[in-house]
Amino acid sequence: MSADDPQLRSERAFEEIGALKHQMEGLKQDVENLKTESRSWIRTWGVYLGILASVFAVPRAAKEAFDSFYQHPKFSVLTPVPLTLFYDTQHQRVTFSFPVLASNYGNRGGVIVAAAAHFEPPPMDATDPQFKFVDETRHSVDIPFPVPVGVSKSVVGSVSFTGSGLMAPGRHRLDVTLIGDDRKPLPMMPLQFCFDLNDELVAVISQESQRLLNTPCE
């Protein structure tokens, strides 16, 4: 390596620094031009963004005012629940019983106004007249029945179906739907019960009520 190599390297380094400085100056000028040209665009979109922010960032006071204006119940129903079966062989009537624990977390008392059920196979439907509800003291609870705010309503419901072939061996399914005063199904509806029947189980439920574990429905 020659003696003047360090000098050549220094000169080359100064040239590269000068080129980089020139590029930085050009970039700075481009940014300034972009700021000037985009100022009106930024102002316009700033207004839009401010409007959007005010829409999504709803103050707590505004939410409370809305809640006070819009009074509504908010139901919650405990699931899963066990199912109890009893089969009246003489009248070919099967009765399904199940607990209902409904809570109301809204800001207005709610009412359960109707009930419906679907059983299969064979496919059969039931409405209010085929349902019965009783409270913890075994007193009858008529539909519609209220669910006050902040209070859990605990009842036992039952629904009956009558017909031939109801207790045929195999897999069966029962769907129960409770309806609120807005005429819509409550949350977690329908309550779904799936179970398997065989001759031994049918013989048992023909003599006394039998509670079944609620198996998941596929």
Protein backbone atom coordinates (compact mmCIF):
# COMPACT_ATOMS: atom_id res chain seq x y z
CA MET A 1 0.00 0.00 0.00
CA SER A 2 1.40 3.43 -0.94
CA ALA A 3 2.02 6.23 1.53
CA ASP A 4 -0.72 8.41 0.08
CA ASP A 5 -3.49 5.82 0.62
CA PRO A 6 -4.76 7.49 3.86
CA GLN A 7 -5.02 10.79 2.01
CA LEU A 8 -7.01 9.19 -0.81
CA ARG A 9 -9.36 7.57 1.66
CA SER A 10 -9.92 10.88 3.41
CA GLU A 11 -10.71 12.66 0.16
CA ARG A 12 -13.13 9.93 -0.82
CA ALA A 13 -14.88 10.15 2.55
CA PHE A 14 -15.30 13.94 2.23
CA GLU A 15 -16.85 13.45 -1.22
CA GLU A 16 -19.35 10.93 0.10
CA ILE A 17 -20.29 13.22 3.00
CA GLY A 18 -20.83 16.09 0.59
CA ALA A 19 -23.10 13.97 -1.61
CA LEU A 20 -25.13 12.84 1.41
CA LYS A 21 -25.52 16.44 2.60
CA HIS A 22 -26.77 17.44 -0.84
CA GLN A 23 -29.36 14.63 -0.78
CA MET A 24 -30.55 15.71 2.67
CA GLU A 25 -31.01 19.29 1.52
CA GLY A 26 -33.08 18.07 -1.44
CA LEU A 27 -35.25 15.90 0.83
CA LYS A 28 -35.81 18.83 3.20
CA GLN A 29 -37.00 20.99 0.30
CA ASP A 30 -39.36 18.24 -0.89
CA VAL A 31 -40.90 17.99 2.57
CA GLU A 32 -41.44 21.78 2.73
CA ASN A 33 -43.15 21.73 -0.68
CA LEU A 34 -45.36 18.85 0.40
CA LYS A 35 -46.38 20.71 3.55
CA THR A 36 -47.38 23.78 1.56
CA GLU A 37 -49.34 21.86 -1.06
CA SER A 38 -51.09 19.62 1.48
CA ARG A 39 -52.03 22.28 4.02
CA SER A 40 -55.58 22.71 2.72
CA TRP A 41 -56.01 18.92 2.44
CA ILE A 42 -54.89 18.46 6.05
CA ARG A 43 -57.29 21.19 7.23
CA THR A 44 -60.23 19.56 5.44
CA TRP A 45 -59.56 16.08 6.75
CA GLY A 46 -58.83 17.48 10.20
CA VAL A 47 -62.45 18.63 10.37
CA TYR A 48 -63.70 15.20 9.30
CA LEU A 49 -61.47 13.41 11.79
CA GLY A 50 -62.65 15.71 14.56
CA ILE A 51 -66.27 14.86 13.76
CA LEU A 52 -65.51 11.13 13.79
CA ALA A 53 -63.66 11.45 17.08
CA SER A 54 -66.61 13.22 18.67
CA VAL A 55 -68.94 10.45 17.49
CA PHE A 56 -66.90 7.54 18.80
CA ALA A 57 -65.63 9.18 21.99
CA VAL A 58 -69.08 9.33 23.61
CA PRO A 59 -68.80 11.02 27.01
CA ARG A 60 -70.02 9.07 30.01
CA ALA A 61 -72.62 11.74 30.76
CA ALA A 62 -74.09 11.36 27.27
CA LYS A 63 -74.28 7.58 27.70
CA GLU A 64 -76.03 7.98 31.05
CA ALA A 65 -78.48 10.44 29.49
CA PHE A 66 -79.19 7.95 26.70
CA ASP A 67 -79.71 5.13 29.18
CA SER A 68 -82.12 7.25 31.20
CA PHE A 69 -84.08 7.99 28.04
CA TYR A 70 -83.97 4.43 26.64
CA GLN A 71 -85.36 2.25 29.42
CA HIS A 72 -84.93 -1.45 28.67
CA PRO A 73 -84.52 -4.79 30.43
CA LYS A 74 -81.44 -6.92 29.86
CA PHE A 75 -82.07 -10.58 30.52
CA SER A 76 -79.59 -13.32 31.32
CA VAL A 77 -80.65 -16.98 31.56
CA LEU A 78 -78.50 -19.61 33.21
CA THR A 79 -77.50 -22.55 30.99
CA PRO A 80 -77.07 -25.49 30.77
CA VAL A 81 -79.78 -26.90 33.00
CA PRO A 82 -80.85 -30.48 33.76
CA LEU A 83 -83.93 -32.01 32.19
CA THR A 84 -86.45 -34.22 34.00
CA LEU A 85 -88.72 -36.65 32.12
CA PHE A 86 -91.94 -38.42 33.03
CA TYR A 87 -93.94 -40.59 30.64
CA ASP A 88 -97.66 -41.25 31.14
CA THR A 89 -98.07 -44.47 29.16
CA GLN A 90 -101.86 -44.52 29.53
CA HIS A 91 -102.29 -41.13 27.85
CA GLN A 92 -99.10 -41.32 25.74
CA ARG A 93 -97.99 -38.02 27.20
CA VAL A 94 -94.42 -37.09 28.04
CA THR A 95 -93.70 -34.18 30.38
CA PHE A 96 -90.35 -32.39 30.40
CA SER A 97 -89.38 -30.27 33.42
CA PHE A 98 -86.45 -27.87 33.67
CA PRO A 99 -85.30 -25.06 35.98
CA VAL A 100 -85.23 -21.47 34.74
CA LEU A 101 -82.99 -18.92 36.46
CA ALA A 102 -83.46 -15.55 34.75
CA SER A 103 -81.77 -12.31 35.81
CA ASN A 104 -82.39 -8.74 34.67
CA TYR A 105 -79.36 -6.42 34.42
CA GLY A 106 -81.13 -3.65 32.53
CA ASN A 107 -82.58 -0.36 33.78
CA ARG A 108 -86.24 -1.37 33.56
CA GLY A 109 -88.23 -4.35 34.79
CA GLY A 110 -88.79 -7.03 32.17
CA VAL A 111 -91.53 -9.55 31.51
CA ILE A 112 -91.43 -13.05 30.08
CA VAL A 113 -94.58 -13.01 27.98
CA ALA A 114 -94.54 -16.32 26.13
CA ALA A 115 -92.91 -19.73 25.78
CA ALA A 116 -92.54 -22.16 22.91
CA ALA A 117 -90.97 -25.58 22.45
CA HIS A 118 -90.01 -27.95 19.65
CA PHE A 119 -89.49 -31.69 20.14
CA GLU A 120 -88.22 -34.34 17.72
CA PRO A 121 -88.59 -37.08 16.67
CA PRO A 122 -91.41 -37.12 15.86
CA PRO A 123 -91.47 -33.35 15.20
CA MET A 124 -93.96 -31.61 17.48
CA ASP A 125 -94.43 -28.02 18.70
CA ALA A 126 -95.83 -26.62 21.93
CA THR A 127 -97.03 -23.14 22.92
CA ASP A 128 -98.13 -21.40 26.13
CA PRO A 129 -101.14 -23.62 27.00
CA GLN A 130 -98.83 -26.67 27.14
CA PHE A 131 -96.45 -24.98 29.61
CA LYS A 132 -96.62 -24.70 33.37
CA PHE A 133 -94.34 -22.75 35.73
CA VAL A 134 -94.04 -22.97 39.51
CA ASP A 135 -91.89 -21.07 41.99
CA GLU A 136 -89.71 -22.41 44.83
CA THR A 137 -92.78 -22.90 47.00
CA ARG A 138 -94.49 -24.92 44.24
CA HIS A 139 -97.06 -22.17 43.68
CA SER A 140 -98.19 -21.68 40.10
CA VAL A 141 -96.61 -18.81 38.14
CA ASP A 142 -98.71 -17.64 35.24
CA ILE A 143 -97.34 -16.33 31.95
CA PRO A 144 -96.61 -13.46 31.57
CA PHE A 145 -94.48 -13.13 34.69
CA PRO A 146 -92.14 -10.25 35.64
CA VAL A 147 -88.38 -10.26 36.21
CA PRO A 148 -87.54 -7.09 38.20
CA VAL A 149 -84.28 -5.18 37.79
CA GLY A 150 -81.42 -6.66 39.79
CA VAL A 151 -83.46 -9.68 40.89
CA SER A 152 -83.09 -13.29 39.80
CA LYS A 153 -86.32 -15.08 38.97
CA SER A 154 -86.13 -18.78 39.75
CA VAL A 155 -88.95 -21.02 38.49
CA VAL A 156 -89.39 -24.58 37.28
CA GLY A 157 -90.99 -24.90 33.89
CA SER A 158 -92.62 -27.94 32.34
CA VAL A 159 -94.00 -28.68 28.90
CA SER A 160 -96.02 -31.69 27.74
CA PHE A 161 -96.42 -33.45 24.41
CA THR A 162 -99.03 -36.08 23.60
CA GLY A 163 -98.89 -38.60 20.78
CA SER A 164 -97.62 -41.97 19.65
CA GLY A 165 -93.95 -42.71 19.09
CA LEU A 166 -92.73 -39.97 21.43
CA MET A 167 -90.57 -42.33 23.49
CA ALA A 168 -89.15 -44.46 20.68
CA PRO A 169 -85.58 -45.63 21.39
CA GLY A 170 -82.91 -43.37 19.88
CA ARG A 171 -81.71 -39.79 20.12
CA HIS A 172 -84.21 -37.02 20.84
CA ARG A 173 -84.02 -33.25 21.11
CA LEU A 174 -86.06 -30.60 22.91
CA ASP A 175 -85.70 -26.84 22.28
CA VAL A 176 -87.39 -24.40 24.68
CA THR A 177 -87.66 -20.67 23.93
CA LEU A 178 -88.75 -17.97 26.37
CA ILE A 179 -89.86 -14.65 24.87
CA GLY A 180 -89.51 -11.17 26.38
CA ASP A 181 -91.88 -8.22 26.19
CA ASP A 182 -90.16 -7.02 23.03
CA ARG A 183 -91.50 -10.21 21.41
CA LYS A 184 -87.98 -11.48 20.87
CA PRO A 185 -86.37 -14.63 22.33
CA LEU A 186 -84.38 -14.04 25.50
CA PRO A 187 -80.57 -14.36 25.32
CA MET A 188 -79.22 -17.93 25.38
CA MET A 189 -82.40 -19.16 23.71
CA PRO A 190 -83.38 -21.74 22.87
CA LEU A 191 -82.56 -23.94 25.83
CA GLN A 192 -81.36 -27.10 24.11
CA PHE A 193 -81.72 -30.62 25.52
CA CYS A 194 -80.45 -33.70 23.70
CA PHE A 195 -80.74 -37.19 25.13
CA ASP A 196 -80.80 -40.87 24.18
CA LEU A 197 -83.70 -43.18 25.01
CA ASN A 198 -83.66 -46.94 25.33
CA ASP A 199 -86.25 -49.44 26.51
CA GLU A 200 -84.83 -49.53 30.06
CA LEU A 201 -85.00 -45.76 30.46
CA VAL A 202 -88.54 -45.62 29.06
CA ALA A 203 -89.58 -48.24 31.62
CA VAL A 204 -88.08 -46.12 34.41
CA ILE A 205 -89.67 -42.81 33.39
CA SER A 206 -93.02 -44.57 33.03
CA GLN A 207 -92.91 -45.22 36.79
CA GLU A 208 -91.28 -42.08 38.16
CA SER A 209 -89.66 -38.87 37.01
CA GLN A 210 -86.05 -39.22 35.99
CA ARG A 211 -83.48 -36.41 35.77
CA LEU A 212 -81.07 -36.57 32.85
CA LEU A 213 -77.77 -34.79 32.37
CA ASN A 214 -77.95 -32.27 29.57
CA THR A 215 -75.69 -33.57 26.81
CA PRO A 216 -74.46 -31.14 24.11
CA CYS A 217 -76.51 -31.01 20.92
CA GLU A 218 -74.55 -31.43 17.70
